C-alpha atoms as a PDB file:
ATOM      1  CA  MET A   1      78.436 121.350  84.609  1.00  0.00           C
ATOM      2  CA  ILE A   2      78.236 121.694  80.845  1.00  0.00           C
ATOM      3  CA  HIS A   3      74.867 120.657  79.363  1.00  0.00           C
ATOM      4  CA  GLY A   4      74.932 117.212  77.718  1.00  0.00           C
ATOM      5  CA  SER A   5      78.295 116.155  79.130  1.00  0.00           C
ATOM      6  CA  GLY A   6      77.151 112.998  80.844  1.00  0.00           C
ATOM      7  CA  ARG A   7      74.699 110.719  82.548  1.00  0.00           C
ATOM      8  CA  CYS A   8      74.433 110.007  86.254  1.00  0.00           C
ATOM      9  CA  HIS A   9      76.747 107.201  87.342  1.00  0.00           C
ATOM     10  CA  TYR A  10      74.087 105.796  89.698  1.00  0.00           C
ATOM     11  CA  HIS A  11      71.043 106.529  87.474  1.00  0.00           C
ATOM     12  CA  PRO A  12      72.123 106.144  83.804  1.00  0.00           C
ATOM     13  CA  GLU A  13      68.659 107.173  82.589  1.00  0.00           C
ATOM     14  CA  ARG A  14      69.105 110.658  84.133  1.00  0.00           C
ATOM     15  CA  THR A  15      71.119 113.598  82.905  1.00  0.00           C
ATOM     16  CA  GLY A  16      74.091 114.473  85.072  1.00  0.00           C
ATOM     17  CA  LEU A  17      73.886 117.689  87.077  1.00  0.00           C
ATOM     18  CA  GLY A  18      77.347 117.842  88.590  1.00  0.00           C
ATOM     19  CA  VAL A  19      80.505 115.969  89.434  1.00  0.00           C
ATOM     20  CA  CYS A  20      81.371 114.516  92.848  1.00  0.00           C
ATOM     21  CA  VAL A  21      84.557 116.200  94.081  1.00  0.00           C
ATOM     22  CA  GLU A  22      85.769 112.972  95.685  1.00  0.00           C
ATOM     23  CA  CYS A  23      85.283 110.247  93.047  1.00  0.00           C
ATOM     24  CA  ARG A  24      84.832 112.573  90.029  1.00  0.00           C
ATOM     25  CA  ARG A  25      81.716 110.667  88.882  1.00  0.00           C
ATOM     26  CA  VAL A  26      78.875 112.469  87.130  1.00  0.00           C
ATOM     27  CA  ILE A  27      75.801 112.610  89.402  1.00  0.00           C
ATOM     28  CA  CYS A  28      72.174 113.710  88.975  1.00  0.00           C
ATOM     29  CA  ARG A  29      70.162 116.111  91.152  1.00  0.00           C
ATOM     30  CA  GLU A  30      68.950 113.259  93.389  1.00  0.00           C
ATOM     31  CA  CYS A  31      72.490 111.988  93.991  1.00  0.00           C
ATOM     32  CA  THR A  32      74.040 115.400  94.685  1.00  0.00           C
ATOM     33  CA  THR A  33      74.503 116.215  98.367  1.00  0.00           C
ATOM     34  CA  GLN A  34      76.262 119.316  99.612  1.00  0.00           C
ATOM     35  CA  PHE A  35      78.410 118.837 102.707  1.00  0.00           C
ATOM     36  CA  GLU A  36      80.891 121.444 103.863  1.00  0.00           C
ATOM     37  CA  GLY A  37      79.821 123.468 100.804  1.00  0.00           C
ATOM     38  CA  ILE A  38      81.028 120.784  98.379  1.00  0.00           C
ATOM     39  CA  ASN A  39      79.007 118.426  96.146  1.00  0.00           C
ATOM     40  CA  ARG A  40      79.509 114.759  96.916  1.00  0.00           C
ATOM     41  CA  CYS A  41      77.702 111.574  95.905  1.00  0.00           C
ATOM     42  CA  ALA A  42      76.052 109.456  98.618  1.00  0.00           C
ATOM     43  CA  ARG A  43      78.902 106.917  98.683  1.00  0.00           C
ATOM     44  CA  CYS A  44      81.619 109.544  99.110  1.00  0.00           C
ATOM     45  CA  LEU A  45      79.532 111.481 101.639  1.00  0.00           C
ATOM     46  CA  GLU A  46      79.179 108.331 103.776  1.00  0.00           C
ATOM     47  CA  GLN A  47      82.944 107.761 103.618  1.00  0.00           C
ATOM     48  CA  ARG A  48      83.574 111.402 104.594  1.00  0.00           C
ATOM     49  CA  LEU A  49      81.195 111.181 107.568  1.00  0.00           C
ATOM     50  CA  GLN A  50      82.835 107.935 108.731  1.00  0.00           C
ATOM     51  CA  ALA A  51      86.265 109.602 108.529  1.00  0.00           C
ATOM     52  CA  LEU A  52      85.016 112.501 110.664  1.00  0.00           C
ATOM     53  CA  LYS A  53      83.647 110.099 113.284  1.00  0.00           C
ATOM     54  CA  GLY A  54      87.005 108.367 113.580  1.00  0.00           C
ATOM     55  CA  PRO A  55      87.595 104.684 114.163  1.00  0.00           C
ATOM     56  CA  ALA A  56      84.901 102.652 115.886  1.00  0.00           C
ATOM     57  CA  GLU A  57      85.407 102.024 119.584  1.00  0.00           C
ATOM     58  CA  ARG A  58      86.644  98.509 120.335  1.00  0.00           C
ATOM     59  CA  ARG A  59      85.178  96.852 123.382  1.00  0.00           C
ATOM     60  CA  GLU A  60      86.058  93.198 123.082  1.00  0.00           C
ATOM     61  CA  TRP A  61      89.290  91.509 124.086  1.00  0.00           C
ATOM     62  CA  SER A  62      90.980  89.597 121.315  1.00  0.00           C
ATOM     63  CA  ALA A  63      93.565  86.841 121.820  1.00  0.00           C
ATOM     64  CA  GLY A  64      96.291  89.332 120.878  1.00  0.00           C
ATOM     65  CA  ASN A  65      95.129  91.791 123.547  1.00  0.00           C
ATOM     66  CA  VAL A  66      95.095  89.082 126.217  1.00  0.00           C
ATOM     67  CA  LEU A  67      98.574  87.900 125.200  1.00  0.00           C
ATOM     68  CA  LEU A  68      99.901  91.469 125.246  1.00  0.00           C
ATOM     69  CA  ALA A  69      98.437  92.044 128.719  1.00  0.00           C
ATOM     70  CA  LEU A  70     100.032  88.818 130.022  1.00  0.00           C
ATOM     71  CA  VAL A  71     103.440  89.683 128.551  1.00  0.00           C
ATOM     72  CA  GLY A  72     103.203  93.153 130.078  1.00  0.00           C
ATOM     73  CA  ALA A  73     102.336  91.693 133.485  1.00  0.00           C
ATOM     74  CA  VAL A  74     105.277  89.248 133.312  1.00  0.00           C
ATOM     75  CA  VAL A  75     107.703  92.027 132.339  1.00  0.00           C
ATOM     76  CA  LEU A  76     106.418  94.241 135.162  1.00  0.00           C
ATOM     77  CA  TYR A  77     106.673  91.388 137.692  1.00  0.00           C
ATOM     78  CA  GLY A  78     110.220  90.596 136.509  1.00  0.00           C
ATOM     79  CA  GLY A  79     111.201  94.243 136.893  1.00  0.00           C
ATOM     80  CA  VAL A  80     109.863  94.346 140.448  1.00  0.00           C
ATOM     81  CA  LEU A  81     111.754  91.128 141.336  1.00  0.00           C
ATOM     82  CA  LEU A  82     114.971  92.516 139.803  1.00  0.00           C
ATOM     83  CA  LEU A  83     114.668  95.749 141.775  1.00  0.00           C
ATOM     84  CA  ALA A  84     113.966  93.798 144.995  1.00  0.00           C
ATOM     85  CA  GLN A  85     117.027  91.607 144.385  1.00  0.00           C
ATOM     86  CA  MET A  86     119.217  94.632 143.685  1.00  0.00           C
ATOM     87  CA  ALA A  87     117.957  96.371 146.828  1.00  0.00           C
ATOM     88  CA  SER A  88     118.631  93.318 149.032  1.00  0.00           C
ATOM     89  CA  GLY A  89     122.157  92.939 147.615  1.00  0.00           C
ATOM     90  CA  LEU A  90     123.184  96.426 148.711  1.00  0.00           C
END
């Protein structure tokens, strides 16, 4: 970073040391974190780590999940009845 080109986005009283590659904000020494060999601010680093973890595991059943399960069961039951009727008609 060029000397005197900015102040830290998170600490305006401090001179900027680098630029976050994600958000392009000027950051000071305290805010600079290297991950995968690249400087990132704390906010962008947290977002990057969350993206690497993937979506959180869902464990609860919502009303939509229950409804979908019931519709699936009805369709499966109807298919079985249709096949039984077709087999008895032969």
